[in-house]
């Protein structure tokens, strides 16, 4: 599968190969970011404290921004403020504090771990 390239065309051939690799890598990295975002959403929902399940079902993902070379995925709850109160605990009306119920940080760590492994795997192929 080797192509013969003249000395004059060497720079063009190298640039073409690098461009093809860059485009393939960008596609794979974008796919890995979306996959990690979905994992974080799923893990957060599963680990969320639930009374009636409304809070756990409130988690969603959206693509916040995308360019030719990057993608930004946001995982969020449709119940603003509540995730922070549950994750870190809060003061009670009559005094004292509620216990923290970490469910976002472990999901974030799992998503980060998967993202790194998926990107490494994609760049090796």
C-alpha atoms as a PDB file:
ATOM      1  CA  UNK A   1       0.000   0.000   0.000  1.00  0.00           C
ATOM      2  CA  UNK A   2       2.970   2.273  -0.411  1.00  0.00           C
ATOM      3  CA  UNK A   3       2.757   5.097  -2.886  1.00  0.00           C
ATOM      4  CA  UNK A   4       5.753   6.460  -4.683  1.00  0.00           C
ATOM      5  CA  UNK A   5       6.134  10.158  -4.124  1.00  0.00           C
ATOM      6  CA  UNK A   6       8.654  12.452  -5.704  1.00  0.00           C
ATOM      7  CA  UNK A   7      10.794  14.639  -3.510  1.00  0.00           C
ATOM      8  CA  UNK A   8       8.903  17.689  -4.762  1.00  0.00           C
ATOM      9  CA  UNK A   9       5.549  16.171  -3.733  1.00  0.00           C
ATOM     10  CA  UNK A  10       6.725  14.955  -0.307  1.00  0.00           C
ATOM     11  CA  UNK A  11       5.400  17.945   1.633  1.00  0.00           C
ATOM     12  CA  UNK A  12       1.995  17.671  -0.044  1.00  0.00           C
ATOM     13  CA  UNK A  13       1.803  13.920   0.642  1.00  0.00           C
ATOM     14  CA  UNK A  14       2.720  14.377   4.316  1.00  0.00           C
ATOM     15  CA  UNK A  15       0.187  17.188   4.731  1.00  0.00           C
ATOM     16  CA  UNK A  16      -2.526  15.083   3.077  1.00  0.00           C
ATOM     17  CA  UNK A  17      -1.826  12.153   5.417  1.00  0.00           C
ATOM     18  CA  UNK A  18      -1.800  14.424   8.468  1.00  0.00           C
ATOM     19  CA  UNK A  19      -5.073  16.061   7.431  1.00  0.00           C
ATOM     20  CA  UNK A  20      -6.743  12.662   6.986  1.00  0.00           C
ATOM     21  CA  UNK A  21      -5.487  11.538  10.412  1.00  0.00           C
ATOM     22  CA  UNK A  22      -6.627  14.785  12.018  1.00  0.00           C
ATOM     23  CA  UNK A  23     -10.139  14.479  10.561  1.00  0.00           C
ATOM     24  CA  UNK A  24     -10.460  10.856  11.691  1.00  0.00           C
ATOM     25  CA  UNK A  25      -9.146  11.682  15.166  1.00  0.00           C
ATOM     26  CA  UNK A  26     -11.532  14.653  15.505  1.00  0.00           C
ATOM     27  CA  UNK A  27     -14.520  12.479  14.613  1.00  0.00           C
ATOM     28  CA  UNK A  28     -13.475   9.795  17.105  1.00  0.00           C
ATOM     29  CA  UNK A  29     -12.861  12.313  19.890  1.00  0.00           C
ATOM     30  CA  UNK A  30     -16.254  13.974  19.329  1.00  0.00           C
ATOM     31  CA  UNK A  31     -17.935  10.574  19.487  1.00  0.00           C
ATOM     32  CA  UNK A  32     -16.068   9.766  22.730  1.00  0.00           C
ATOM     33  CA  UNK A  33     -17.130  13.091  24.309  1.00  0.00           C
ATOM     34  CA  UNK A  34     -20.801  12.453  23.494  1.00  0.00           C
ATOM     35  CA  UNK A  35     -20.550   8.898  24.841  1.00  0.00           C
ATOM     36  CA  UNK A  36     -18.935  10.129  28.080  1.00  0.00           C
ATOM     37  CA  UNK A  37     -21.656  12.779  28.498  1.00  0.00           C
ATOM     38  CA  UNK A  38     -24.354  10.137  28.190  1.00  0.00           C
ATOM     39  CA  UNK A  39     -22.541   7.947  30.718  1.00  0.00           C
ATOM     40  CA  UNK A  40     -22.348  10.824  33.215  1.00  0.00           C
ATOM     41  CA  UNK A  41     -26.075  11.522  32.770  1.00  0.00           C
ATOM     42  CA  UNK A  42     -26.965   7.846  33.223  1.00  0.00           C
ATOM     43  CA  UNK A  43     -24.699   7.365  36.256  1.00  0.00           C
ATOM     44  CA  UNK A  44     -25.949  10.574  37.890  1.00  0.00           C
ATOM     45  CA  UNK A  45     -29.565   9.504  37.410  1.00  0.00           C
ATOM     46  CA  UNK A  46     -28.886   6.050  38.829  1.00  0.00           C
ATOM     47  CA  UNK A  47     -27.010   7.373  41.867  1.00  0.00           C
ATOM     48  CA  UNK A  48     -29.396  10.251  42.552  1.00  0.00           C
ATOM     49  CA  UNK A  49     -31.267  10.277  45.849  1.00  0.00           C
ATOM     50  CA  UNK A  50     -34.872   9.555  45.051  1.00  0.00           C
ATOM     51  CA  UNK A  51     -38.057  10.158  46.917  1.00  0.00           C
ATOM     52  CA  UNK A  52     -40.442   9.814  44.009  1.00  0.00           C
ATOM     53  CA  UNK A  53     -37.871   9.604  41.206  1.00  0.00           C
ATOM     54  CA  UNK A  54     -38.627  13.058  39.789  1.00  0.00           C
ATOM     55  CA  UNK A  55     -35.138  14.358  40.513  1.00  0.00           C
ATOM     56  CA  UNK A  56     -33.400  11.317  39.007  1.00  0.00           C
ATOM     57  CA  UNK A  57     -35.446  11.700  35.816  1.00  0.00           C
ATOM     58  CA  UNK A  58     -34.588  15.406  35.551  1.00  0.00           C
ATOM     59  CA  UNK A  59     -31.036  14.792  34.261  1.00  0.00           C
ATOM     60  CA  UNK A  60     -30.344  15.481  30.601  1.00  0.00           C
ATOM     61  CA  UNK A  61     -27.511  16.164  28.163  1.00  0.00           C
ATOM     62  CA  UNK A  62     -27.213  18.709  25.410  1.00  0.00           C
ATOM     63  CA  UNK A  63     -24.582  19.746  22.905  1.00  0.00           C
ATOM     64  CA  UNK A  64     -23.654  23.231  24.081  1.00  0.00           C
ATOM     65  CA  UNK A  65     -21.314  24.031  21.258  1.00  0.00           C
ATOM     66  CA  UNK A  66     -19.723  22.362  18.291  1.00  0.00           C
ATOM     67  CA  UNK A  67     -17.125  23.466  15.787  1.00  0.00           C
ATOM     68  CA  UNK A  68     -15.236  21.575  13.129  1.00  0.00           C
ATOM     69  CA  UNK A  69     -12.630  20.542  15.684  1.00  0.00           C
ATOM     70  CA  UNK A  70     -14.459  20.374  19.015  1.00  0.00           C
ATOM     71  CA  UNK A  71     -17.704  19.525  20.760  1.00  0.00           C
ATOM     72  CA  UNK A  72     -18.985  20.614  24.167  1.00  0.00           C
ATOM     73  CA  UNK A  73     -21.559  18.450  25.942  1.00  0.00           C
ATOM     74  CA  UNK A  74     -23.386  19.690  29.040  1.00  0.00           C
ATOM     75  CA  UNK A  75     -25.004  17.374  31.577  1.00  0.00           C
ATOM     76  CA  UNK A  76     -27.588  19.213  33.649  1.00  0.00           C
ATOM     77  CA  UNK A  77     -30.656  18.818  35.829  1.00  0.00           C
ATOM     78  CA  UNK A  78     -33.907  20.525  34.941  1.00  0.00           C
ATOM     79  CA  UNK A  79     -34.270  21.277  38.676  1.00  0.00           C
ATOM     80  CA  UNK A  80     -31.722  24.089  39.144  1.00  0.00           C
ATOM     81  CA  UNK A  81     -30.186  24.512  42.593  1.00  0.00           C
ATOM     82  CA  UNK A  82     -31.284  21.115  43.895  1.00  0.00           C
ATOM     83  CA  UNK A  83     -28.239  19.165  42.646  1.00  0.00           C
ATOM     84  CA  UNK A  84     -25.883  21.394  44.634  1.00  0.00           C
ATOM     85  CA  UNK A  85     -27.980  21.092  47.800  1.00  0.00           C
ATOM     86  CA  UNK A  86     -28.108  17.304  47.545  1.00  0.00           C
ATOM     87  CA  UNK A  87     -24.479  16.848  46.522  1.00  0.00           C
ATOM     88  CA  UNK A  88     -23.019  18.924  49.368  1.00  0.00           C
ATOM     89  CA  UNK A  89     -25.795  19.012  51.989  1.00  0.00           C
ATOM     90  CA  UNK A  90     -27.440  22.161  53.273  1.00  0.00           C
ATOM     91  CA  UNK A  91     -28.568  23.942  56.438  1.00  0.00           C
ATOM     92  CA  UNK A  92     -31.940  22.983  57.869  1.00  0.00           C
ATOM     93  CA  UNK A  93     -34.531  25.533  58.938  1.00  0.00           C
ATOM     94  CA  UNK A  94     -34.446  24.528  62.595  1.00  0.00           C
ATOM     95  CA  UNK A  95     -30.664  24.265  62.748  1.00  0.00           C
ATOM     96  CA  UNK A  96     -28.212  21.563  61.806  1.00  0.00           C
ATOM     97  CA  UNK A  97     -27.339  20.272  58.385  1.00  0.00           C
ATOM     98  CA  UNK A  98     -28.543  17.568  56.062  1.00  0.00           C
ATOM     99  CA  UNK A  99     -26.113  14.849  55.044  1.00  0.00           C
ATOM    100  CA  UNK A 100     -24.338  15.270  51.727  1.00  0.00           C
ATOM    101  CA  UNK A 101     -25.374  12.701  49.134  1.00  0.00           C
ATOM    102  CA  UNK A 102     -22.612  12.680  46.518  1.00  0.00           C
ATOM    103  CA  UNK A 103     -23.936  11.379  43.224  1.00  0.00           C
ATOM    104  CA  UNK A 104     -22.541  13.840  40.678  1.00  0.00           C
ATOM    105  CA  UNK A 105     -18.808  13.588  41.481  1.00  0.00           C
ATOM    106  CA  UNK A 106     -18.644   9.770  41.143  1.00  0.00           C
ATOM    107  CA  UNK A 107     -20.503   9.962  37.823  1.00  0.00           C
ATOM    108  CA  UNK A 108     -18.128  12.678  36.610  1.00  0.00           C
ATOM    109  CA  UNK A 109     -15.106  10.552  37.531  1.00  0.00           C
ATOM    110  CA  UNK A 110     -16.564   7.534  35.688  1.00  0.00           C
ATOM    111  CA  UNK A 111     -17.207   9.697  32.612  1.00  0.00           C
ATOM    112  CA  UNK A 112     -13.701  11.128  32.698  1.00  0.00           C
ATOM    113  CA  UNK A 113     -12.181   7.656  32.983  1.00  0.00           C
ATOM    114  CA  UNK A 114     -14.237   6.385  30.038  1.00  0.00           C
ATOM    115  CA  UNK A 115     -13.433   9.465  27.952  1.00  0.00           C
ATOM    116  CA  UNK A 116      -9.690   9.040  28.427  1.00  0.00           C
ATOM    117  CA  UNK A 117      -9.795   5.323  27.582  1.00  0.00           C
ATOM    118  CA  UNK A 118     -12.017   5.875  24.515  1.00  0.00           C
ATOM    119  CA  UNK A 119      -9.760   8.632  23.179  1.00  0.00           C
ATOM    120  CA  UNK A 120      -6.608   6.558  23.743  1.00  0.00           C
ATOM    121  CA  UNK A 121      -8.223   3.575  22.002  1.00  0.00           C
ATOM    122  CA  UNK A 122      -9.368   5.719  19.072  1.00  0.00           C
ATOM    123  CA  UNK A 123      -5.966   7.337  18.568  1.00  0.00           C
ATOM    124  CA  UNK A 124      -4.175   3.958  18.600  1.00  0.00           C
ATOM    125  CA  UNK A 125      -6.139   2.578  15.646  1.00  0.00           C
END
